[in-house]
Amino acid sequence: MKKLILLKDLFFVFTILIISTIDASAAEDLLKVDKTVIIQIVIFLAAIFILNPLLFKPLLQLVERREQLTTGRIKEAKELEKKVEQIIKEYKEKLDEVRAKAMEERNEIRRQAEAAAEEVIAKAHNEVQALLEDARAKLELKAKEIRAKIKPEIEMLARNVASQVLGREL
């Protein structure tokens, strides 16, 4: 494409030279066309053919290389940006996994603690119930013993009260 532009420019310059030579013949007083114009055209073409490999091609290659490097750097930057986004995404996913796992472990520990607390409470409740049953049994036994001890006294008191109420001995 750049060669095409160069050839267009060359054609444009050559056309202007030819037109100027035609106009020069019309205006003989101002400019006379002679063999020097042909020599100038030959020198110009020789300069183009000499400068093309020495100046224009290296310059065009330098511009293309610069463009490739710029484009390459932009592509590389975009790739790095995609990699960074992927790493951030993976980091967030792993962080979410760790948080979920920590939450699950915390809930499991809480359940275990609640189960242990319920077990301790149930054990304490059972122990209290056993102590209450034992205390009731002891109280009933003591009550029976006391009743058995005071039964003769109650009978005697009952006779005394009855004899005082009746006014006679029973």
C-alpha atoms as a PDB file:
ATOM      1  CA  MET A   1       0.000   0.000   0.000  1.00  0.00           C
ATOM      2  CA  LYS A   2       2.807   2.358   0.853  1.00  0.00           C
ATOM      3  CA  LYS A   3       4.516   1.478  -2.422  1.00  0.00           C
ATOM      4  CA  LEU A   4       1.319   2.360  -4.200  1.00  0.00           C
ATOM      5  CA  ILE A   5       1.247   5.759  -2.482  1.00  0.00           C
ATOM      6  CA  LEU A   6       4.887   6.290  -3.423  1.00  0.00           C
ATOM      7  CA  LEU A   7       4.154   5.386  -7.038  1.00  0.00           C
ATOM      8  CA  LYS A   8       1.164   7.762  -7.079  1.00  0.00           C
ATOM      9  CA  ASP A   9       3.353  10.572  -5.778  1.00  0.00           C
ATOM     10  CA  LEU A  10       6.004   9.759  -8.358  1.00  0.00           C
ATOM     11  CA  PHE A  11       3.395   9.753 -11.125  1.00  0.00           C
ATOM     12  CA  PHE A  12       2.008  13.081  -9.849  1.00  0.00           C
ATOM     13  CA  VAL A  13       5.469  14.703  -9.908  1.00  0.00           C
ATOM     14  CA  PHE A  14       6.230  13.260 -13.342  1.00  0.00           C
ATOM     15  CA  THR A  15       2.876  14.557 -14.655  1.00  0.00           C
ATOM     16  CA  ILE A  16       3.582  18.015 -13.283  1.00  0.00           C
ATOM     17  CA  LEU A  17       6.979  17.995 -14.985  1.00  0.00           C
ATOM     18  CA  ILE A  18       5.449  17.015 -18.320  1.00  0.00           C
ATOM     19  CA  ILE A  19       2.700  19.614 -17.967  1.00  0.00           C
ATOM     20  CA  SER A  20       5.254  22.240 -17.049  1.00  0.00           C
ATOM     21  CA  THR A  21       7.284  21.359 -20.143  1.00  0.00           C
ATOM     22  CA  ILE A  22       4.188  21.701 -22.311  1.00  0.00           C
ATOM     23  CA  ASP A  23       3.336  25.033 -20.675  1.00  0.00           C
ATOM     24  CA  ALA A  24       6.941  26.086 -21.047  1.00  0.00           C
ATOM     25  CA  SER A  25       6.811  25.712 -24.801  1.00  0.00           C
ATOM     26  CA  ALA A  26       3.773  27.989 -24.830  1.00  0.00           C
ATOM     27  CA  ALA A  27       5.557  30.589 -22.810  1.00  0.00           C
ATOM     28  CA  GLU A  28       8.913  30.697 -24.580  1.00  0.00           C
ATOM     29  CA  ASP A  29       9.829  34.009 -23.148  1.00  0.00           C
ATOM     30  CA  LEU A  30       9.614  32.915 -19.527  1.00  0.00           C
ATOM     31  CA  LEU A  31      11.006  29.434 -19.757  1.00  0.00           C
ATOM     32  CA  LYS A  32      12.668  27.655 -22.618  1.00  0.00           C
ATOM     33  CA  VAL A  33      12.417  23.861 -22.735  1.00  0.00           C
ATOM     34  CA  ASP A  34      15.579  22.225 -23.869  1.00  0.00           C
ATOM     35  CA  LYS A  35      17.537  19.094 -23.093  1.00  0.00           C
ATOM     36  CA  THR A  36      18.158  20.197 -19.510  1.00  0.00           C
ATOM     37  CA  VAL A  37      14.553  19.309 -18.605  1.00  0.00           C
ATOM     38  CA  ILE A  38      15.140  15.736 -19.746  1.00  0.00           C
ATOM     39  CA  ILE A  39      18.379  15.653 -17.759  1.00  0.00           C
ATOM     40  CA  GLN A  40      16.525  16.954 -14.693  1.00  0.00           C
ATOM     41  CA  ILE A  41      13.850  14.248 -15.114  1.00  0.00           C
ATOM     42  CA  VAL A  42      16.551  11.599 -15.416  1.00  0.00           C
ATOM     43  CA  ILE A  43      18.316  12.961 -12.320  1.00  0.00           C
ATOM     44  CA  PHE A  44      14.998  13.032 -10.449  1.00  0.00           C
ATOM     45  CA  LEU A  45      14.181   9.414 -11.417  1.00  0.00           C
ATOM     46  CA  ALA A  46      17.705   8.318 -10.551  1.00  0.00           C
ATOM     47  CA  ALA A  47      17.380  10.053  -7.167  1.00  0.00           C
ATOM     48  CA  ILE A  48      14.048   8.263  -6.556  1.00  0.00           C
ATOM     49  CA  PHE A  49      15.518   4.856  -7.448  1.00  0.00           C
ATOM     50  CA  ILE A  50      18.609   5.472  -5.335  1.00  0.00           C
ATOM     51  CA  LEU A  51      16.803   6.967  -2.340  1.00  0.00           C
ATOM     52  CA  ASN A  52      14.042   4.357  -2.355  1.00  0.00           C
ATOM     53  CA  PRO A  53      16.171   1.461  -1.000  1.00  0.00           C
ATOM     54  CA  LEU A  54      18.435   3.727   1.024  1.00  0.00           C
ATOM     55  CA  LEU A  55      15.909   6.064   2.651  1.00  0.00           C
ATOM     56  CA  PHE A  56      12.261   5.360   1.903  1.00  0.00           C
ATOM     57  CA  LYS A  57      12.169   1.578   2.458  1.00  0.00           C
ATOM     58  CA  PRO A  58      14.066   1.707   5.789  1.00  0.00           C
ATOM     59  CA  LEU A  59      11.876   4.585   6.895  1.00  0.00           C
ATOM     60  CA  LEU A  60       8.703   2.693   5.960  1.00  0.00           C
ATOM     61  CA  GLN A  61      10.051  -0.441   7.680  1.00  0.00           C
ATOM     62  CA  LEU A  62      10.798   1.619  10.779  1.00  0.00           C
ATOM     63  CA  VAL A  63       7.240   2.988  10.773  1.00  0.00           C
ATOM     64  CA  GLU A  64       5.802  -0.522  10.289  1.00  0.00           C
ATOM     65  CA  ARG A  65       8.018  -1.930  13.046  1.00  0.00           C
ATOM     66  CA  ARG A  66       6.970   0.872  15.369  1.00  0.00           C
ATOM     67  CA  GLU A  67       3.332   0.189  14.557  1.00  0.00           C
ATOM     68  CA  GLN A  68       3.820  -3.537  15.167  1.00  0.00           C
ATOM     69  CA  LEU A  69       5.545  -2.862  18.469  1.00  0.00           C
ATOM     70  CA  THR A  70       2.792  -0.478  19.514  1.00  0.00           C
ATOM     71  CA  THR A  71       0.100  -2.908  18.441  1.00  0.00           C
ATOM     72  CA  GLY A  72       2.010  -5.742  20.093  1.00  0.00           C
ATOM     73  CA  ARG A  73       2.325  -3.812  23.343  1.00  0.00           C
ATOM     74  CA  ILE A  74      -1.378  -2.967  23.262  1.00  0.00           C
ATOM     75  CA  LYS A  75      -2.249  -6.623  22.667  1.00  0.00           C
ATOM     76  CA  GLU A  76       0.140  -7.659  25.430  1.00  0.00           C
ATOM     77  CA  ALA A  77      -1.414  -5.108  27.783  1.00  0.00           C
ATOM     78  CA  LYS A  78      -4.896  -6.394  26.946  1.00  0.00           C
ATOM     79  CA  GLU A  79      -3.766  -9.990  27.554  1.00  0.00           C
ATOM     80  CA  LEU A  80      -2.226  -8.990  30.869  1.00  0.00           C
ATOM     81  CA  GLU A  81      -5.428  -7.173  31.789  1.00  0.00           C
ATOM     82  CA  LYS A  82      -7.437 -10.318  30.981  1.00  0.00           C
ATOM     83  CA  LYS A  83      -5.029 -12.400  33.075  1.00  0.00           C
ATOM     84  CA  VAL A  84      -5.351  -9.964  35.973  1.00  0.00           C
ATOM     85  CA  GLU A  85      -9.137 -10.078  35.698  1.00  0.00           C
ATOM     86  CA  GLN A  86      -9.007 -13.889  35.640  1.00  0.00           C
ATOM     87  CA  ILE A  87      -6.716 -13.946  38.687  1.00  0.00           C
ATOM     88  CA  ILE A  88      -9.018 -11.534  40.532  1.00  0.00           C
ATOM     89  CA  LYS A  89     -12.015 -13.680  39.592  1.00  0.00           C
ATOM     90  CA  GLU A  90     -10.264 -16.842  40.825  1.00  0.00           C
ATOM     91  CA  TYR A  91      -9.215 -15.024  44.002  1.00  0.00           C
ATOM     92  CA  LYS A  92     -12.791 -13.930  44.663  1.00  0.00           C
ATOM     93  CA  GLU A  93     -14.089 -17.445  43.979  1.00  0.00           C
ATOM     94  CA  LYS A  94     -11.544 -18.968  46.360  1.00  0.00           C
ATOM     95  CA  LEU A  95     -12.305 -16.295  48.939  1.00  0.00           C
ATOM     96  CA  ASP A  96     -16.016 -17.075  48.635  1.00  0.00           C
ATOM     97  CA  GLU A  97     -15.256 -20.794  48.977  1.00  0.00           C
ATOM     98  CA  VAL A  98     -13.138 -20.173  52.069  1.00  0.00           C
ATOM     99  CA  ARG A  99     -15.828 -17.952  53.563  1.00  0.00           C
ATOM    100  CA  ALA A 100     -18.487 -20.558  52.870  1.00  0.00           C
ATOM    101  CA  LYS A 101     -16.298 -23.274  54.354  1.00  0.00           C
ATOM    102  CA  ALA A 102     -15.560 -21.130  57.424  1.00  0.00           C
ATOM    103  CA  MET A 103     -19.272 -20.398  57.821  1.00  0.00           C
ATOM    104  CA  GLU A 104     -20.045 -24.101  57.505  1.00  0.00           C
ATOM    105  CA  GLU A 105     -17.371 -25.000  60.060  1.00  0.00           C
ATOM    106  CA  ARG A 106     -18.633 -22.279  62.395  1.00  0.00           C
ATOM    107  CA  ASN A 107     -22.171 -23.605  62.083  1.00  0.00           C
ATOM    108  CA  GLU A 108     -20.935 -27.161  62.677  1.00  0.00           C
ATOM    109  CA  ILE A 109     -19.012 -26.051  65.773  1.00  0.00           C
ATOM    110  CA  ARG A 110     -22.110 -24.180  66.959  1.00  0.00           C
ATOM    111  CA  ARG A 111     -24.246 -27.308  66.415  1.00  0.00           C
ATOM    112  CA  GLN A 112     -21.723 -29.424  68.264  1.00  0.00           C
ATOM    113  CA  ALA A 113     -21.615 -26.903  71.108  1.00  0.00           C
ATOM    114  CA  GLU A 114     -25.415 -26.802  71.253  1.00  0.00           C
ATOM    115  CA  ALA A 115     -25.554 -30.607  71.226  1.00  0.00           C
ATOM    116  CA  ALA A 116     -22.925 -30.753  73.980  1.00  0.00           C
ATOM    117  CA  ALA A 117     -24.814 -28.119  75.979  1.00  0.00           C
ATOM    118  CA  GLU A 118     -28.067 -30.028  75.539  1.00  0.00           C
ATOM    119  CA  GLU A 119     -26.292 -33.197  76.596  1.00  0.00           C
ATOM    120  CA  VAL A 120     -24.858 -31.499  79.691  1.00  0.00           C
ATOM    121  CA  ILE A 121     -28.261 -29.999  80.489  1.00  0.00           C
ATOM    122  CA  ALA A 122     -29.965 -33.369  80.005  1.00  0.00           C
ATOM    123  CA  LYS A 123     -27.355 -35.059  82.181  1.00  0.00           C
ATOM    124  CA  ALA A 124     -27.737 -32.394  84.869  1.00  0.00           C
ATOM    125  CA  HIS A 125     -31.522 -32.700  84.608  1.00  0.00           C
ATOM    126  CA  ASN A 126     -31.285 -36.462  84.989  1.00  0.00           C
ATOM    127  CA  GLU A 127     -28.951 -36.076  87.933  1.00  0.00           C
ATOM    128  CA  VAL A 128     -31.328 -33.568  89.539  1.00  0.00           C
ATOM    129  CA  GLN A 129     -34.264 -35.903  88.905  1.00  0.00           C
ATOM    130  CA  ALA A 130     -32.297 -38.773  90.434  1.00  0.00           C
ATOM    131  CA  LEU A 131     -31.414 -36.594  93.441  1.00  0.00           C
ATOM    132  CA  LEU A 132     -35.058 -35.520  93.791  1.00  0.00           C
ATOM    133  CA  GLU A 133     -36.256 -39.116  93.593  1.00  0.00           C
ATOM    134  CA  ASP A 134     -33.626 -40.121  96.108  1.00  0.00           C
ATOM    135  CA  ALA A 135     -34.585 -37.224  98.395  1.00  0.00           C
ATOM    136  CA  ARG A 136     -38.311 -38.106  98.063  1.00  0.00           C
ATOM    137  CA  ALA A 137     -37.561 -41.728  98.838  1.00  0.00           C
ATOM    138  CA  LYS A 138     -35.539 -40.690 101.886  1.00  0.00           C
ATOM    139  CA  LEU A 139     -38.260 -38.274 102.976  1.00  0.00           C
ATOM    140  CA  GLU A 140     -40.915 -40.959 102.646  1.00  0.00           C
ATOM    141  CA  LEU A 141     -38.737 -43.388 104.567  1.00  0.00           C
ATOM    142  CA  LYS A 142     -38.153 -40.798 107.280  1.00  0.00           C
ATOM    143  CA  ALA A 143     -41.849 -39.988 107.272  1.00  0.00           C
ATOM    144  CA  LYS A 144     -42.678 -43.685 107.715  1.00  0.00           C
ATOM    145  CA  GLU A 145     -40.152 -43.974 110.504  1.00  0.00           C
ATOM    146  CA  ILE A 146     -41.510 -40.876 112.206  1.00  0.00           C
ATOM    147  CA  ARG A 147     -45.087 -42.097 111.739  1.00  0.00           C
ATOM    148  CA  ALA A 148     -44.124 -45.471 113.120  1.00  0.00           C
ATOM    149  CA  LYS A 149     -42.427 -43.773 116.087  1.00  0.00           C
ATOM    150  CA  ILE A 150     -45.189 -41.384 116.846  1.00  0.00           C
ATOM    151  CA  LYS A 151     -48.050 -43.784 116.142  1.00  0.00           C
ATOM    152  CA  PRO A 152     -48.171 -45.000 119.746  1.00  0.00           C
ATOM    153  CA  GLU A 153     -47.941 -41.450 120.980  1.00  0.00           C
ATOM    154  CA  ILE A 154     -50.728 -40.364 118.578  1.00  0.00           C
ATOM    155  CA  GLU A 155     -52.930 -43.145 119.822  1.00  0.00           C
ATOM    156  CA  MET A 156     -52.233 -42.143 123.374  1.00  0.00           C
ATOM    157  CA  LEU A 157     -52.908 -38.487 122.640  1.00  0.00           C
ATOM    158  CA  ALA A 158     -56.052 -39.409 120.740  1.00  0.00           C
ATOM    159  CA  ARG A 159     -57.315 -41.359 123.769  1.00  0.00           C
ATOM    160  CA  ASN A 160     -56.484 -38.486 126.056  1.00  0.00           C
ATOM    161  CA  VAL A 161     -58.267 -35.987 123.797  1.00  0.00           C
ATOM    162  CA  ALA A 162     -61.234 -38.332 123.364  1.00  0.00           C
ATOM    163  CA  SER A 163     -61.484 -38.970 127.105  1.00  0.00           C
ATOM    164  CA  GLN A 164     -61.340 -35.244 127.798  1.00  0.00           C
ATOM    165  CA  VAL A 165     -63.968 -34.542 125.158  1.00  0.00           C
ATOM    166  CA  LEU A 166     -66.165 -37.385 126.331  1.00  0.00           C
ATOM    167  CA  GLY A 167     -65.342 -36.849 129.902  1.00  0.00           C
ATOM    168  CA  ARG A 168     -64.542 -40.434 130.525  1.00  0.00           C
ATOM    169  CA  GLU A 169     -61.657 -42.815 130.024  1.00  0.00           C
ATOM    170  CA  LEU A 170     -61.464 -45.018 127.022  1.00  0.00           C
END
